[in-house]
Amino acid sequence: MMNNNIGAYGETKACEYLINNGYKVLVRNFNFNRKEIDIIAQKEQFLIAIEVKTRSQNTLIEPWKAVNKIKQQNII
């Protein structure tokens, strides 16, 4: 699978998980000022920005560690 396909697959699975757990998916691949957030979802009064990291195989870095400080700041 190519990276774009892996990413799209991961985002689709994440959306399925969110919907099955009572979230409403509002937007996928939201772009603003050349920045992107994979999923914006809502549950009750909360808006949640979600960065999805999908891997095709085991890597040396945990997916949550791939969301570095710069990416976190961009999301904020």
PDB file of N, CA and C in Angstrom:
ATOM      1  N   MET A   1       0.837  -1.181   0.000  1.00  0.00           N
ATOM      2  CA  MET A   1       0.000   0.000   0.000  1.00  0.00           C
ATOM      3  C   MET A   1       0.880   1.242   0.000  1.00  0.00           C
ATOM      4  N   MET A   2       0.510   2.236  -0.754  1.00  0.00           N
ATOM      5  CA  MET A   2       1.252   3.483  -0.763  1.00  0.00           C
ATOM      6  C   MET A   2       0.866   4.301   0.473  1.00  0.00           C
ATOM      7  N   ASN A   3       1.704   5.265   0.842  1.00  0.00           N
ATOM      8  CA  ASN A   3       1.459   6.064   2.041  1.00  0.00           C
ATOM      9  C   ASN A   3       0.092   6.745   2.039  1.00  0.00           C
ATOM     10  N   ASN A   4      -0.328   7.301   0.898  1.00  0.00           N
ATOM     11  CA  ASN A   4      -1.639   7.950   0.841  1.00  0.00           C
ATOM     12  C   ASN A   4      -2.755   6.957   1.100  1.00  0.00           C
ATOM     13  N   ASN A   5      -2.623   5.751   0.540  1.00  0.00           N
ATOM     14  CA  ASN A   5      -3.639   4.722   0.761  1.00  0.00           C
ATOM     15  C   ASN A   5      -3.650   4.260   2.210  1.00  0.00           C
ATOM     16  N   ILE A   6      -2.478   4.107   2.791  1.00  0.00           N
ATOM     17  CA  ILE A   6      -2.390   3.702   4.197  1.00  0.00           C
ATOM     18  C   ILE A   6      -3.018   4.774   5.075  1.00  0.00           C
ATOM     19  N   GLY A   7      -2.699   6.033   4.786  1.00  0.00           N
ATOM     20  CA  GLY A   7      -3.261   7.139   5.560  1.00  0.00           C
ATOM     21  C   GLY A   7      -4.767   7.207   5.448  1.00  0.00           C
ATOM     22  N   ALA A   8      -5.298   7.073   4.237  1.00  0.00           N
ATOM     23  CA  ALA A   8      -6.745   7.109   4.023  1.00  0.00           C
ATOM     24  C   ALA A   8      -7.419   5.935   4.733  1.00  0.00           C
ATOM     25  N   TYR A   9      -6.789   4.764   4.680  1.00  0.00           N
ATOM     26  CA  TYR A   9      -7.330   3.590   5.373  1.00  0.00           C
ATOM     27  C   TYR A   9      -7.397   3.856   6.877  1.00  0.00           C
ATOM     28  N   GLY A  10      -6.318   4.381   7.431  1.00  0.00           N
ATOM     29  CA  GLY A  10      -6.282   4.675   8.861  1.00  0.00           C
ATOM     30  C   GLY A  10      -7.325   5.699   9.262  1.00  0.00           C
ATOM     31  N   GLU A  11      -7.493   6.724   8.450  1.00  0.00           N
ATOM     32  CA  GLU A  11      -8.497   7.744   8.750  1.00  0.00           C
ATOM     33  C   GLU A  11      -9.907   7.168   8.683  1.00  0.00           C
ATOM     34  N   THR A  12     -10.154   6.305   7.709  1.00  0.00           N
ATOM     35  CA  THR A  12     -11.471   5.668   7.610  1.00  0.00           C
ATOM     36  C   THR A  12     -11.743   4.804   8.831  1.00  0.00           C
ATOM     37  N   LYS A  13     -10.757   4.022   9.254  1.00  0.00           N
ATOM     38  CA  LYS A  13     -10.941   3.174  10.445  1.00  0.00           C
ATOM     39  C   LYS A  13     -11.143   4.036  11.693  1.00  0.00           C
ATOM     40  N   ALA A  14     -10.410   5.148  11.785  1.00  0.00           N
ATOM     41  CA  ALA A  14     -10.569   6.053  12.925  1.00  0.00           C
ATOM     42  C   ALA A  14     -11.980   6.644  12.936  1.00  0.00           C
ATOM     43  N   CYS A  15     -12.489   7.038  11.768  1.00  0.00           N
ATOM     44  CA  CYS A  15     -13.852   7.575  11.681  1.00  0.00           C
ATOM     45  C   CYS A  15     -14.882   6.528  12.096  1.00  0.00           C
ATOM     46  N   GLU A  16     -14.694   5.310  11.647  1.00  0.00           N
ATOM     47  CA  GLU A  16     -15.608   4.231  12.041  1.00  0.00           C
ATOM     48  C   GLU A  16     -15.609   4.058  13.549  1.00  0.00           C
ATOM     49  N   TYR A  17     -14.435   4.066  14.150  1.00  0.00           N
ATOM     50  CA  TYR A  17     -14.317   3.937  15.607  1.00  0.00           C
ATOM     51  C   TYR A  17     -15.044   5.089  16.306  1.00  0.00           C
ATOM     52  N   LEU A  18     -14.801   6.300  15.836  1.00  0.00           N
ATOM     53  CA  LEU A  18     -15.423   7.472  16.465  1.00  0.00           C
ATOM     54  C   LEU A  18     -16.944   7.397  16.369  1.00  0.00           C
ATOM     55  N   ILE A  19     -17.456   7.111  15.190  1.00  0.00           N
ATOM     56  CA  ILE A  19     -18.902   7.029  14.985  1.00  0.00           C
ATOM     57  C   ILE A  19     -19.504   5.941  15.868  1.00  0.00           C
ATOM     58  N   ASN A  20     -18.843   4.799  15.942  1.00  0.00           N
ATOM     59  CA  ASN A  20     -19.336   3.690  16.771  1.00  0.00           C
ATOM     60  C   ASN A  20     -19.283   4.006  18.258  1.00  0.00           C
ATOM     61  N   ASN A  21     -18.557   5.054  18.633  1.00  0.00           N
ATOM     62  CA  ASN A  21     -18.443   5.431  20.041  1.00  0.00           C
ATOM     63  C   ASN A  21     -19.109   6.776  20.337  1.00  0.00           C
ATOM     64  N   GLY A  22     -20.070   7.148  19.491  1.00  0.00           N
ATOM     65  CA  GLY A  22     -20.923   8.291  19.775  1.00  0.00           C
ATOM     66  C   GLY A  22     -20.407   9.652  19.346  1.00  0.00           C
ATOM     67  N   TYR A  23     -19.363   9.686  18.544  1.00  0.00           N
ATOM     68  CA  TYR A  23     -18.855  10.954  18.032  1.00  0.00           C
ATOM     69  C   TYR A  23     -19.498  11.248  16.683  1.00  0.00           C
ATOM     70  N   LYS A  24     -19.583  12.504  16.346  1.00  0.00           N
ATOM     71  CA  LYS A  24     -20.023  12.919  15.023  1.00  0.00           C
ATOM     72  C   LYS A  24     -18.792  13.436  14.288  1.00  0.00           C
ATOM     73  N   VAL A  25     -18.467  12.825  13.168  1.00  0.00           N
ATOM     74  CA  VAL A  25     -17.333  13.279  12.361  1.00  0.00           C
ATOM     75  C   VAL A  25     -17.819  14.459  11.528  1.00  0.00           C
ATOM     76  N   LEU A  26     -17.214  15.619  11.756  1.00  0.00           N
ATOM     77  CA  LEU A  26     -17.623  16.834  11.059  1.00  0.00           C
ATOM     78  C   LEU A  26     -16.849  17.057   9.769  1.00  0.00           C
ATOM     79  N   VAL A  27     -15.537  16.831   9.818  1.00  0.00           N
ATOM     80  CA  VAL A  27     -14.687  17.108   8.660  1.00  0.00           C
ATOM     81  C   VAL A  27     -13.523  16.136   8.641  1.00  0.00           C
ATOM     82  N   ARG A  28     -13.161  15.697   7.440  1.00  0.00           N
ATOM     83  CA  ARG A  28     -11.910  14.953   7.242  1.00  0.00           C
ATOM     84  C   ARG A  28     -10.973  15.816   6.415  1.00  0.00           C
ATOM     85  N   ASN A  29      -9.700  15.766   6.747  1.00  0.00           N
ATOM     86  CA  ASN A  29      -8.658  16.499   6.022  1.00  0.00           C
ATOM     87  C   ASN A  29      -8.953  17.994   5.943  1.00  0.00           C
ATOM     88  N   PHE A  30      -9.206  18.580   7.104  1.00  0.00           N
ATOM     89  CA  PHE A  30      -9.472  20.017   7.200  1.00  0.00           C
ATOM     90  C   PHE A  30      -8.183  20.787   6.965  1.00  0.00           C
ATOM     91  N   ASN A  31      -8.209  21.728   6.028  1.00  0.00           N
ATOM     92  CA  ASN A  31      -7.042  22.551   5.702  1.00  0.00           C
ATOM     93  C   ASN A  31      -7.298  23.996   6.078  1.00  0.00           C
ATOM     94  N   PHE A  32      -6.262  24.616   6.672  1.00  0.00           N
ATOM     95  CA  PHE A  32      -6.315  26.026   7.029  1.00  0.00           C
ATOM     96  C   PHE A  32      -4.895  26.566   7.016  1.00  0.00           C
ATOM     97  N   ASN A  33      -4.658  27.594   6.214  1.00  0.00           N
ATOM     98  CA  ASN A  33      -3.318  28.205   6.135  1.00  0.00           C
ATOM     99  C   ASN A  33      -2.205  27.177   5.916  1.00  0.00           C
ATOM    100  N   ARG A  34      -2.416  26.279   4.956  1.00  0.00           N
ATOM    101  CA  ARG A  34      -1.438  25.248   4.600  1.00  0.00           C
ATOM    102  C   ARG A  34      -1.179  24.220   5.704  1.00  0.00           C
ATOM    103  N   LYS A  35      -2.058  24.155   6.672  1.00  0.00           N
ATOM    104  CA  LYS A  35      -1.970  23.161   7.736  1.00  0.00           C
ATOM    105  C   LYS A  35      -3.155  22.219   7.578  1.00  0.00           C
ATOM    106  N   GLU A  36      -2.994  20.974   8.049  1.00  0.00           N
ATOM    107  CA  GLU A  36      -4.084  20.008   7.921  1.00  0.00           C
ATOM    108  C   GLU A  36      -4.315  19.288   9.236  1.00  0.00           C
ATOM    109  N   ILE A  37      -5.580  19.075   9.536  1.00  0.00           N
ATOM    110  CA  ILE A  37      -5.997  18.215  10.640  1.00  0.00           C
ATOM    111  C   ILE A  37      -6.762  17.069  10.001  1.00  0.00           C
ATOM    112  N   ASP A  38      -6.416  15.841  10.357  1.00  0.00           N
ATOM    113  CA  ASP A  38      -7.024  14.678   9.704  1.00  0.00           C
ATOM    114  C   ASP A  38      -8.525  14.587   9.919  1.00  0.00           C
ATOM    115  N   ILE A  39      -8.962  14.728  11.168  1.00  0.00           N
ATOM    116  CA  ILE A  39     -10.387  14.584  11.477  1.00  0.00           C
ATOM    117  C   ILE A  39     -10.769  15.636  12.515  1.00  0.00           C
ATOM    118  N   ILE A  40     -11.904  16.267  12.299  1.00  0.00           N
ATOM    119  CA  ILE A  40     -12.517  17.094  13.339  1.00  0.00           C
ATOM    120  C   ILE A  40     -13.832  16.420  13.675  1.00  0.00           C
ATOM    121  N   ALA A  41     -13.992  16.100  14.948  1.00  0.00           N
ATOM    122  CA  ALA A  41     -15.182  15.390  15.404  1.00  0.00           C
ATOM    123  C   ALA A  41     -15.813  16.151  16.563  1.00  0.00           C
ATOM    124  N   GLN A  42     -17.050  15.778  16.876  1.00  0.00           N
ATOM    125  CA  GLN A  42     -17.765  16.403  17.982  1.00  0.00           C
ATOM    126  C   GLN A  42     -18.424  15.328  18.817  1.00  0.00           C
ATOM    127  N   LYS A  43     -18.378  15.536  20.118  1.00  0.00           N
ATOM    128  CA  LYS A  43     -19.144  14.709  21.050  1.00  0.00           C
ATOM    129  C   LYS A  43     -19.644  15.640  22.136  1.00  0.00           C
ATOM    130  N   GLU A  44     -20.956  15.711  22.244  1.00  0.00           N
ATOM    131  CA  GLU A  44     -21.612  16.655  23.142  1.00  0.00           C
ATOM    132  C   GLU A  44     -21.137  18.059  22.781  1.00  0.00           C
ATOM    133  N   GLN A  45     -20.640  18.832  23.740  1.00  0.00           N
ATOM    134  CA  GLN A  45     -20.225  20.202  23.447  1.00  0.00           C
ATOM    135  C   GLN A  45     -18.756  20.313  23.079  1.00  0.00           C
ATOM    136  N   PHE A  46     -18.058  19.193  22.923  1.00  0.00           N
ATOM    137  CA  PHE A  46     -16.623  19.197  22.665  1.00  0.00           C
ATOM    138  C   PHE A  46     -16.306  19.020  21.181  1.00  0.00           C
ATOM    139  N   LEU A  47     -15.389  19.839  20.669  1.00  0.00           N
ATOM    140  CA  LEU A  47     -14.811  19.648  19.350  1.00  0.00           C
ATOM    141  C   LEU A  47     -13.447  19.017  19.550  1.00  0.00           C
ATOM    142  N   ILE A  48     -13.152  17.996  18.775  1.00  0.00           N
ATOM    143  CA  ILE A  48     -11.913  17.246  18.933  1.00  0.00           C
ATOM    144  C   ILE A  48     -11.160  17.248  17.610  1.00  0.00           C
ATOM    145  N   ALA A  49      -9.887  17.668  17.662  1.00  0.00           N
ATOM    146  CA  ALA A  49      -9.003  17.609  16.494  1.00  0.00           C
ATOM    147  C   ALA A  49      -8.203  16.320  16.620  1.00  0.00           C
ATOM    148  N   ILE A  50      -8.219  15.502  15.576  1.00  0.00           N
ATOM    149  CA  ILE A  50      -7.606  14.172  15.624  1.00  0.00           C
ATOM    150  C   ILE A  50      -6.569  14.041  14.523  1.00  0.00           C
ATOM    151  N   GLU A  51      -5.370  13.684  14.922  1.00  0.00           N
ATOM    152  CA  GLU A  51      -4.284  13.391  13.983  1.00  0.00           C
ATOM    153  C   GLU A  51      -4.140  11.872  13.944  1.00  0.00           C
ATOM    154  N   VAL A  52      -4.284  11.293  12.767  1.00  0.00           N
ATOM    155  CA  VAL A  52      -4.223   9.838  12.606  1.00  0.00           C
ATOM    156  C   VAL A  52      -2.847   9.456  12.079  1.00  0.00           C
ATOM    157  N   LYS A  53      -2.225   8.479  12.726  1.00  0.00           N
ATOM    158  CA  LYS A  53      -0.942   7.948  12.274  1.00  0.00           C
ATOM    159  C   LYS A  53      -1.110   6.448  12.049  1.00  0.00           C
ATOM    160  N   THR A  54      -1.034   6.043  10.794  1.00  0.00           N
ATOM    161  CA  THR A  54      -1.210   4.646  10.429  1.00  0.00           C
ATOM    162  C   THR A  54       0.112   4.104   9.907  1.00  0.00           C
ATOM    163  N   ARG A  55       0.473   2.936  10.348  1.00  0.00           N
ATOM    164  CA  ARG A  55       1.725   2.309   9.926  1.00  0.00           C
ATOM    165  C   ARG A  55       1.423   0.999   9.214  1.00  0.00           C
ATOM    166  N   SER A  56       2.203   0.712   8.175  1.00  0.00           N
ATOM    167  CA  SER A  56       2.021  -0.546   7.452  1.00  0.00           C
ATOM    168  C   SER A  56       2.809  -1.675   8.109  1.00  0.00           C
ATOM    169  N   GLN A  57       3.760  -1.319   8.947  1.00  0.00           N
ATOM    170  CA  GLN A  57       4.567  -2.322   9.637  1.00  0.00           C
ATOM    171  C   GLN A  57       5.098  -1.713  10.927  1.00  0.00           C
ATOM    172  N   ASN A  58       5.724  -2.530  11.737  1.00  0.00           N
ATOM    173  CA  ASN A  58       6.310  -2.018  12.972  1.00  0.00           C
ATOM    174  C   ASN A  58       7.420  -1.029  12.646  1.00  0.00           C
ATOM    175  N   THR A  59       7.445   0.065  13.364  1.00  0.00           N
ATOM    176  CA  THR A  59       8.487   1.060  13.183  1.00  0.00           C
ATOM    177  C   THR A  59       9.161   1.314  14.520  1.00  0.00           C
ATOM    178  N   LEU A  60      10.231   2.047  14.488  1.00  0.00           N
ATOM    179  CA  LEU A  60      10.971   2.337  15.706  1.00  0.00           C
ATOM    180  C   LEU A  60      10.308   3.395  16.574  1.00  0.00           C
ATOM    181  N   ILE A  61       9.391   4.152  15.992  1.00  0.00           N
ATOM    182  CA  ILE A  61       8.737   5.224  16.739  1.00  0.00           C
ATOM    183  C   ILE A  61       7.259   4.909  16.931  1.00  0.00           C
ATOM    184  N   GLU A  62       6.781   5.149  18.138  1.00  0.00           N
ATOM    185  CA  GLU A  62       5.357   4.968  18.410  1.00  0.00           C
ATOM    186  C   GLU A  62       4.580   6.046  17.653  1.00  0.00           C
ATOM    187  N   PRO A  63       3.381   5.727  17.137  1.00  0.00           N
ATOM    188  CA  PRO A  63       2.624   6.718  16.364  1.00  0.00           C
ATOM    189  C   PRO A  63       2.384   8.024  17.122  1.00  0.00           C
ATOM    190  N   TRP A  64       2.087   7.950  18.405  1.00  0.00           N
ATOM    191  CA  TRP A  64       1.807   9.172  19.158  1.00  0.00           C
ATOM    192  C   TRP A  64       3.040  10.056  19.273  1.00  0.00           C
ATOM    193  N   LYS A  65       4.228   9.474  19.178  1.00  0.00           N
ATOM    194  CA  LYS A  65       5.450  10.272  19.228  1.00  0.00           C
ATOM    195  C   LYS A  65       5.702  11.002  17.913  1.00  0.00           C
ATOM    196  N   ALA A  66       5.021  10.594  16.851  1.00  0.00           N
ATOM    197  CA  ALA A  66       5.187  11.230  15.541  1.00  0.00           C
ATOM    198  C   ALA A  66       4.463  12.572  15.461  1.00  0.00           C
ATOM    199  N   VAL A  67       3.609  12.852  16.425  1.00  0.00           N
ATOM    200  CA  VAL A  67       2.933  14.153  16.474  1.00  0.00           C
ATOM    201  C   VAL A  67       3.809  15.053  17.343  1.00  0.00           C
ATOM    202  N   ASN A  68       4.790  15.673  16.686  1.00  0.00           N
ATOM    203  CA  ASN A  68       5.780  16.452  17.414  1.00  0.00           C
ATOM    204  C   ASN A  68       5.212  17.804  17.875  1.00  0.00           C
ATOM    205  N   LYS A  69       6.049  18.560  18.558  1.00  0.00           N
ATOM    206  CA  LYS A  69       5.613  19.856  19.115  1.00  0.00           C
ATOM    207  C   LYS A  69       5.122  20.816  18.028  1.00  0.00           C
ATOM    208  N   ILE A  70       5.775  20.817  16.884  1.00  0.00           N
ATOM    209  CA  ILE A  70       5.347  21.706  15.799  1.00  0.00           C
ATOM    210  C   ILE A  70       3.948  21.333  15.324  1.00  0.00           C
ATOM    211  N   LYS A  71       3.698  20.032  15.122  1.00  0.00           N
ATOM    212  CA  LYS A  71       2.371  19.578  14.691  1.00  0.00           C
ATOM    213  C   LYS A  71       1.333  19.890  15.767  1.00  0.00           C
ATOM    214  N   GLN A  72       1.687  19.678  17.030  1.00  0.00           N
ATOM    215  CA  GLN A  72       0.758  20.002  18.125  1.00  0.00           C
ATOM    216  C   GLN A  72       0.410  21.478  18.115  1.00  0.00           C
ATOM    217  N   GLN A  73       1.411  22.330  17.936  1.00  0.00           N
ATOM    218  CA  GLN A  73       1.192  23.777  17.910  1.00  0.00           C
ATOM    219  C   GLN A  73       0.313  24.164  16.721  1.00  0.00           C
ATOM    220  N   ASN A  74       0.527  23.528  15.583  1.00  0.00           N
ATOM    221  CA  ASN A  74      -0.301  23.805  14.403  1.00  0.00           C
ATOM    222  C   ASN A  74      -1.761  23.432  14.665  1.00  0.00           C
ATOM    223  N   ILE A  75      -1.978  22.339  15.356  1.00  0.00           N
ATOM    224  CA  ILE A  75      -3.339  21.908  15.660  1.00  0.00           C
ATOM    225  C   ILE A  75      -4.005  22.915  16.618  1.00  0.00           C
ATOM    226  N   ILE A  76      -3.243  23.328  17.600  1.00  0.00           N
ATOM    227  CA  ILE A  76      -3.770  24.310  18.567  1.00  0.00           C
ATOM    228  C   ILE A  76      -4.129  25.592  17.860  1.00  0.00           C
TER     229      ILE A  76
END
